[in-house]
Amino acid sequence: MAREKNSQATPPAKRAPRKRGAAVTIEAPPAQTRFVDPQQRAALIARAAYFRAMHRGFAPGYEVADWLAAEAEVDAELLQGTVETSAA
């Protein structure tokens, strides 16, 4: 069944043009972003995994879990900028 047009309906209201003064600002990344090379990152992860295993008493069977937890911990610290990456 075909719909009939309503001759009494008002056309939709037109929108006002957008104001140009309300610009969206995007924050720039921090100027002091540090690059950590993959070998340095792997060394940080290995060290964190070692300390996790040591804290557990070096019980076997948790090597992968230790590595993955250490990797997440190091990556989070690198993103926050709270890890010291200098070779000591």
C-alpha atoms as a PDB file:
ATOM      1  CA  MET A   1       0.000   0.000   0.000  1.00  0.00           C
ATOM      2  CA  ALA A   2       1.475   3.348  -1.025  1.00  0.00           C
ATOM      3  CA  ARG A   3       1.833   6.132   1.522  1.00  0.00           C
ATOM      4  CA  GLU A   4       0.236   9.435   0.824  1.00  0.00           C
ATOM      5  CA  LYS A   5       2.241  12.600   1.279  1.00  0.00           C
ATOM      6  CA  ASN A   6       1.023  14.895   3.988  1.00  0.00           C
ATOM      7  CA  SER A   7       0.565  18.292   2.424  1.00  0.00           C
ATOM      8  CA  GLN A   8       0.374  19.946   5.851  1.00  0.00           C
ATOM      9  CA  ALA A   9       3.772  18.718   7.065  1.00  0.00           C
ATOM     10  CA  THR A  10       6.407  21.393   7.451  1.00  0.00           C
ATOM     11  CA  PRO A  11       9.808  20.856   5.885  1.00  0.00           C
ATOM     12  CA  PRO A  12      12.634  20.048   8.328  1.00  0.00           C
ATOM     13  CA  ALA A  13      14.433  23.063   9.751  1.00  0.00           C
ATOM     14  CA  LYS A  14      17.829  23.848   8.296  1.00  0.00           C
ATOM     15  CA  ARG A  15      20.840  23.804  10.549  1.00  0.00           C
ATOM     16  CA  ALA A  16      22.810  26.937  11.262  1.00  0.00           C
ATOM     17  CA  PRO A  17      26.335  27.006   9.831  1.00  0.00           C
ATOM     18  CA  ARG A  18      29.102  25.815  12.122  1.00  0.00           C
ATOM     19  CA  LYS A  19      30.991  28.504  13.989  1.00  0.00           C
ATOM     20  CA  ARG A  20      34.648  28.633  13.045  1.00  0.00           C
ATOM     21  CA  GLY A  21      35.863  29.879  16.416  1.00  0.00           C
ATOM     22  CA  ALA A  22      35.234  26.570  18.189  1.00  0.00           C
ATOM     23  CA  ALA A  23      38.239  24.607  16.895  1.00  0.00           C
ATOM     24  CA  VAL A  24      39.207  21.279  18.390  1.00  0.00           C
ATOM     25  CA  THR A  25      42.728  21.225  19.793  1.00  0.00           C
ATOM     26  CA  ILE A  26      44.806  18.062  19.804  1.00  0.00           C
ATOM     27  CA  GLU A  27      47.615  17.673  22.301  1.00  0.00           C
ATOM     28  CA  ALA A  28      51.044  17.207  20.809  1.00  0.00           C
ATOM     29  CA  PRO A  29      53.078  14.215  21.972  1.00  0.00           C
ATOM     30  CA  PRO A  30      55.641  14.965  24.657  1.00  0.00           C
ATOM     31  CA  ALA A  31      58.847  16.439  23.328  1.00  0.00           C
ATOM     32  CA  GLN A  32      60.983  14.122  25.472  1.00  0.00           C
ATOM     33  CA  THR A  33      59.843  10.769  24.035  1.00  0.00           C
ATOM     34  CA  ARG A  34      62.676   8.291  24.382  1.00  0.00           C
ATOM     35  CA  PHE A  35      63.367   5.483  21.972  1.00  0.00           C
ATOM     36  CA  VAL A  36      64.278   2.112  23.452  1.00  0.00           C
ATOM     37  CA  ASP A  37      65.877  -0.287  21.014  1.00  0.00           C
ATOM     38  CA  PRO A  38      64.571  -3.877  20.934  1.00  0.00           C
ATOM     39  CA  GLN A  39      67.690  -5.348  22.564  1.00  0.00           C
ATOM     40  CA  GLN A  40      67.487  -2.908  25.449  1.00  0.00           C
ATOM     41  CA  ARG A  41      63.778  -3.678  25.884  1.00  0.00           C
ATOM     42  CA  ALA A  42      64.510  -7.432  25.851  1.00  0.00           C
ATOM     43  CA  ALA A  43      67.205  -6.954  28.506  1.00  0.00           C
ATOM     44  CA  LEU A  44      64.763  -5.043  30.722  1.00  0.00           C
ATOM     45  CA  ILE A  45      62.159  -7.784  30.290  1.00  0.00           C
ATOM     46  CA  ALA A  46      64.709 -10.539  31.022  1.00  0.00           C
ATOM     47  CA  ARG A  47      65.793  -8.771  34.184  1.00  0.00           C
ATOM     48  CA  ALA A  48      62.197  -8.304  35.370  1.00  0.00           C
ATOM     49  CA  ALA A  49      61.388 -11.957  34.553  1.00  0.00           C
ATOM     50  CA  TYR A  50      64.457 -13.089  36.506  1.00  0.00           C
ATOM     51  CA  PHE A  51      63.368 -11.162  39.584  1.00  0.00           C
ATOM     52  CA  ARG A  52      59.860 -12.596  39.282  1.00  0.00           C
ATOM     53  CA  ALA A  53      61.299 -16.127  39.139  1.00  0.00           C
ATOM     54  CA  MET A  54      63.639 -15.397  42.046  1.00  0.00           C
ATOM     55  CA  HIS A  55      60.730 -14.097  44.132  1.00  0.00           C
ATOM     56  CA  ARG A  56      58.892 -17.355  43.375  1.00  0.00           C
ATOM     57  CA  GLY A  57      61.925 -19.468  44.391  1.00  0.00           C
ATOM     58  CA  PHE A  58      62.767 -20.464  40.790  1.00  0.00           C
ATOM     59  CA  ALA A  59      60.001 -23.085  40.743  1.00  0.00           C
ATOM     60  CA  PRO A  60      59.936 -24.647  37.257  1.00  0.00           C
ATOM     61  CA  GLY A  61      57.000 -24.379  34.874  1.00  0.00           C
ATOM     62  CA  TYR A  62      56.339 -20.638  35.138  1.00  0.00           C
ATOM     63  CA  GLU A  63      58.915 -19.322  32.681  1.00  0.00           C
ATOM     64  CA  VAL A  64      56.424 -18.149  30.053  1.00  0.00           C
ATOM     65  CA  ALA A  65      54.095 -16.595  32.640  1.00  0.00           C
ATOM     66  CA  ASP A  66      57.060 -14.764  34.202  1.00  0.00           C
ATOM     67  CA  TRP A  67      58.200 -13.491  30.802  1.00  0.00           C
ATOM     68  CA  LEU A  68      54.737 -12.296  29.747  1.00  0.00           C
ATOM     69  CA  ALA A  69      54.099 -10.567  33.081  1.00  0.00           C
ATOM     70  CA  ALA A  70      57.538  -8.922  32.936  1.00  0.00           C
ATOM     71  CA  GLU A  71      56.903  -7.834  29.353  1.00  0.00           C
ATOM     72  CA  ALA A  72      53.614  -6.181  30.308  1.00  0.00           C
ATOM     73  CA  GLU A  73      55.250  -4.521  33.322  1.00  0.00           C
ATOM     74  CA  VAL A  74      58.203  -3.149  31.321  1.00  0.00           C
ATOM     75  CA  ASP A  75      55.989  -1.932  28.468  1.00  0.00           C
ATOM     76  CA  ALA A  76      53.706  -0.114  30.916  1.00  0.00           C
ATOM     77  CA  GLU A  77      56.698   1.507  32.614  1.00  0.00           C
ATOM     78  CA  LEU A  78      58.188   2.525  29.269  1.00  0.00           C
ATOM     79  CA  LEU A  79      54.924   4.139  28.209  1.00  0.00           C
ATOM     80  CA  GLN A  80      54.732   6.051  31.485  1.00  0.00           C
ATOM     81  CA  GLY A  81      58.401   6.965  31.332  1.00  0.00           C
ATOM     82  CA  THR A  82      59.136   5.540  34.787  1.00  0.00           C
ATOM     83  CA  VAL A  83      61.809   3.000  33.844  1.00  0.00           C
ATOM     84  CA  GLU A  84      65.510   3.878  33.721  1.00  0.00           C
ATOM     85  CA  THR A  85      66.883   2.736  30.369  1.00  0.00           C
ATOM     86  CA  SER A  86      70.559   3.667  30.801  1.00  0.00           C
ATOM     87  CA  ALA A  87      73.058   0.830  30.736  1.00  0.00           C
ATOM     88  CA  ALA A  88      74.476   0.336  34.205  1.00  0.00           C
END
